C-alpha atoms as a PDB file:
ATOM      1  CA  MET A   1     -46.343 -51.947  -1.520  1.00  0.00           C
ATOM      2  CA  PHE A   2     -43.670 -50.115  -3.516  1.00  0.00           C
ATOM      3  CA  ILE A   3     -44.074 -46.739  -1.835  1.00  0.00           C
ATOM      4  CA  SER A   4     -42.822 -46.289   1.695  1.00  0.00           C
ATOM      5  CA  GLU A   5     -44.811 -44.303   4.182  1.00  0.00           C
ATOM      6  CA  ALA A   6     -43.855 -40.640   4.687  1.00  0.00           C
ATOM      7  CA  TYR A   7     -43.895 -39.096   8.139  1.00  0.00           C
ATOM      8  CA  ALA A   8     -43.951 -35.380   8.934  1.00  0.00           C
ATOM      9  CA  GLN A   9     -40.769 -33.947  10.378  1.00  0.00           C
ATOM     10  CA  THR A  10     -40.737 -32.193  13.687  1.00  0.00           C
ATOM     11  CA  ALA A  11     -40.335 -28.394  13.730  1.00  0.00           C
ATOM     12  CA  PRO A  12     -36.742 -27.171  14.212  1.00  0.00           C
ATOM     13  CA  ALA A  13     -35.830 -25.761  17.594  1.00  0.00           C
ATOM     14  CA  ALA A  14     -36.223 -21.986  17.930  1.00  0.00           C
ATOM     15  CA  ALA A  15     -32.935 -20.122  17.641  1.00  0.00           C
ATOM     16  CA  SER A  16     -31.920 -18.472  20.861  1.00  0.00           C
ATOM     17  CA  GLY A  17     -29.990 -15.211  20.959  1.00  0.00           C
ATOM     18  CA  GLY A  18     -31.785 -13.484  18.063  1.00  0.00           C
ATOM     19  CA  ALA A  19     -29.814 -10.232  18.434  1.00  0.00           C
ATOM     20  CA  GLU A  20     -26.468 -11.998  18.245  1.00  0.00           C
ATOM     21  CA  SER A  21     -27.369 -13.919  15.124  1.00  0.00           C
ATOM     22  CA  SER A  22     -28.582 -10.771  13.339  1.00  0.00           C
ATOM     23  CA  LEU A  23     -25.338  -8.951  14.165  1.00  0.00           C
ATOM     24  CA  LEU A  24     -23.292 -11.889  12.966  1.00  0.00           C
ATOM     25  CA  SER A  25     -25.247 -11.974   9.716  1.00  0.00           C
ATOM     26  CA  LEU A  26     -24.373  -8.277   9.107  1.00  0.00           C
ATOM     27  CA  ALA A  27     -20.658  -8.794   9.763  1.00  0.00           C
ATOM     28  CA  PRO A  28     -19.810 -10.060   6.234  1.00  0.00           C
ATOM     29  CA  LEU A  29     -21.639  -7.102   4.700  1.00  0.00           C
ATOM     30  CA  ALA A  30     -19.709  -4.646   6.881  1.00  0.00           C
ATOM     31  CA  LEU A  31     -16.446  -6.412   6.078  1.00  0.00           C
ATOM     32  CA  MET A  32     -17.153  -6.193   2.328  1.00  0.00           C
ATOM     33  CA  PHE A  33     -17.822  -2.447   2.640  1.00  0.00           C
ATOM     34  CA  VAL A  34     -14.526  -1.901   4.494  1.00  0.00           C
ATOM     35  CA  VAL A  35     -12.599  -3.857   1.854  1.00  0.00           C
ATOM     36  CA  LEU A  36     -14.391  -1.955  -0.941  1.00  0.00           C
ATOM     37  CA  TYR A  37     -13.455   1.345   0.689  1.00  0.00           C
ATOM     38  CA  PHE A  38      -9.744   0.543   0.930  1.00  0.00           C
ATOM     39  CA  ILE A  39      -9.469  -1.091  -2.499  1.00  0.00           C
ATOM     40  CA  MET A  40     -11.634   1.190  -4.664  1.00  0.00           C
ATOM     41  CA  ILE A  41     -12.981   4.332  -3.027  1.00  0.00           C
ATOM     42  CA  ARG A  42      -9.903   5.610  -1.184  1.00  0.00           C
ATOM     43  CA  PRO A  43      -7.467   5.338  -4.148  1.00  0.00           C
ATOM     44  CA  GLN A  44      -9.992   7.064  -6.439  1.00  0.00           C
ATOM     45  CA  MET A  45     -10.386   9.946  -3.987  1.00  0.00           C
ATOM     46  CA  LYS A  46      -6.582  10.274  -3.775  1.00  0.00           C
ATOM     47  CA  LYS A  47      -6.305  10.383  -7.576  1.00  0.00           C
ATOM     48  CA  GLN A  48      -9.020  13.058  -7.788  1.00  0.00           C
ATOM     49  CA  LYS A  49      -7.219  15.165  -5.185  1.00  0.00           C
ATOM     50  CA  GLU A  50      -3.917  14.926  -7.110  1.00  0.00           C
ATOM     51  CA  HIS A  51      -5.647  15.869 -10.403  1.00  0.00           C
ATOM     52  CA  LYS A  52      -7.333  18.872  -8.786  1.00  0.00           C
ATOM     53  CA  ALA A  53      -4.000  20.065  -7.348  1.00  0.00           C
ATOM     54  CA  MET A  54      -2.341  19.675 -10.773  1.00  0.00           C
ATOM     55  CA  ILE A  55      -5.081  21.707 -12.485  1.00  0.00           C
ATOM     56  CA  GLU A  56      -4.910  24.462  -9.876  1.00  0.00           C
ATOM     57  CA  ALA A  57      -1.116  24.658 -10.258  1.00  0.00           C
ATOM     58  CA  LEU A  58      -1.230  25.203 -14.057  1.00  0.00           C
ATOM     59  CA  ALA A  59       0.766  28.200 -15.209  1.00  0.00           C
ATOM     60  CA  LYS A  60       1.374  29.941 -18.508  1.00  0.00           C
ATOM     61  CA  GLY A  61       4.075  28.129 -20.472  1.00  0.00           C
ATOM     62  CA  ASP A  62       3.419  24.682 -18.993  1.00  0.00           C
ATOM     63  CA  GLU A  63       3.445  21.860 -21.514  1.00  0.00           C
ATOM     64  CA  VAL A  64       0.356  19.694 -21.151  1.00  0.00           C
ATOM     65  CA  VAL A  65      -1.515  16.731 -22.605  1.00  0.00           C
ATOM     66  CA  VAL A  66      -5.229  17.298 -23.185  1.00  0.00           C
ATOM     67  CA  GLY A  67      -7.846  14.525 -22.856  1.00  0.00           C
ATOM     68  CA  GLY A  68      -7.860  13.669 -26.557  1.00  0.00           C
ATOM     69  CA  GLY A  69      -4.090  13.161 -26.574  1.00  0.00           C
ATOM     70  CA  VAL A  70      -3.276  16.615 -27.959  1.00  0.00           C
ATOM     71  CA  ILE A  71       0.030  18.030 -26.710  1.00  0.00           C
ATOM     72  CA  GLY A  72       0.536  21.747 -26.394  1.00  0.00           C
ATOM     73  CA  ARG A  73       1.754  24.699 -24.351  1.00  0.00           C
ATOM     74  CA  VAL A  74      -0.532  26.739 -22.087  1.00  0.00           C
ATOM     75  CA  ALA A  75      -0.961  30.180 -23.668  1.00  0.00           C
ATOM     76  CA  LYS A  76      -3.709  31.705 -21.507  1.00  0.00           C
ATOM     77  CA  LEU A  77      -5.414  30.708 -18.289  1.00  0.00           C
ATOM     78  CA  GLY A  78      -9.012  31.443 -17.436  1.00  0.00           C
ATOM     79  CA  GLU A  79     -11.293  30.574 -14.557  1.00  0.00           C
ATOM     80  CA  THR A  80     -12.648  27.425 -16.206  1.00  0.00           C
ATOM     81  CA  PHE A  81     -10.881  27.324 -19.583  1.00  0.00           C
ATOM     82  CA  VAL A  82      -7.284  27.035 -20.756  1.00  0.00           C
ATOM     83  CA  HIS A  83      -5.936  28.115 -24.145  1.00  0.00           C
ATOM     84  CA  VAL A  84      -3.437  25.533 -25.363  1.00  0.00           C
ATOM     85  CA  GLU A  85      -1.110  26.451 -28.220  1.00  0.00           C
ATOM     86  CA  VAL A  86      -0.632  23.336 -30.362  1.00  0.00           C
ATOM     87  CA  ALA A  87       1.295  25.020 -33.209  1.00  0.00           C
ATOM     88  CA  ASN A  88       2.513  28.521 -34.045  1.00  0.00           C
ATOM     89  CA  GLY A  89      -0.617  30.677 -34.057  1.00  0.00           C
ATOM     90  CA  VAL A  90      -2.998  27.777 -33.419  1.00  0.00           C
ATOM     91  CA  GLU A  91      -4.712  27.745 -30.026  1.00  0.00           C
ATOM     92  CA  LEU A  92      -7.327  25.368 -28.672  1.00  0.00           C
ATOM     93  CA  GLN A  93      -9.671  26.415 -25.909  1.00  0.00           C
ATOM     94  CA  VAL A  94     -10.315  23.496 -23.537  1.00  0.00           C
ATOM     95  CA  GLN A  95     -11.743  23.092 -20.068  1.00  0.00           C
ATOM     96  CA  ARG A  96      -9.247  22.918 -17.227  1.00  0.00           C
ATOM     97  CA  ALA A  97     -10.514  19.433 -16.320  1.00  0.00           C
ATOM     98  CA  ALA A  98      -9.550  18.207 -19.814  1.00  0.00           C
ATOM     99  CA  VAL A  99      -5.852  18.590 -18.963  1.00  0.00           C
ATOM    100  CA  VAL A 100      -4.652  15.074 -18.204  1.00  0.00           C
ATOM    101  CA  GLN A 101      -0.942  15.535 -17.558  1.00  0.00           C
ATOM    102  CA  VAL A 102       1.683  18.231 -17.205  1.00  0.00           C
ATOM    103  CA  LEU A 103       4.796  17.308 -19.185  1.00  0.00           C
ATOM    104  CA  PRO A 104       8.398  18.151 -18.315  1.00  0.00           C
ATOM    105  CA  LYS A 105       9.741  21.360 -19.884  1.00  0.00           C
ATOM    106  CA  GLY A 106      11.195  20.865 -23.363  1.00  0.00           C
ATOM    107  CA  THR A 107       8.923  17.962 -24.344  1.00  0.00           C
ATOM    108  CA  PHE A 108       6.814  20.009 -26.749  1.00  0.00           C
ATOM    109  CA  LYS A 109       8.725  21.821 -29.505  1.00  0.00           C
END
């Protein structure tokens, strides 16, 4: 009386062109990867390359900023470590990778 009768629905038609639909479903994923590459991965790789070139070009007497914000002058260079003079007679031994920036000459006095 109050409930209407329910009838089963017919099965949907089979999708034709299965290969095309699977390729189209992968297109957004491929597009997201391309966008991710150009927005995040490529700039990070460029920054790493610039940092590596800066570290390799370090020379004695360069004025640098170390990772913790310490400013000093390069006193000695080693294979993996750099001695940074932060005051007269005070040297810190840090890894080359800890050098964040090379300052213009005359910044550190």
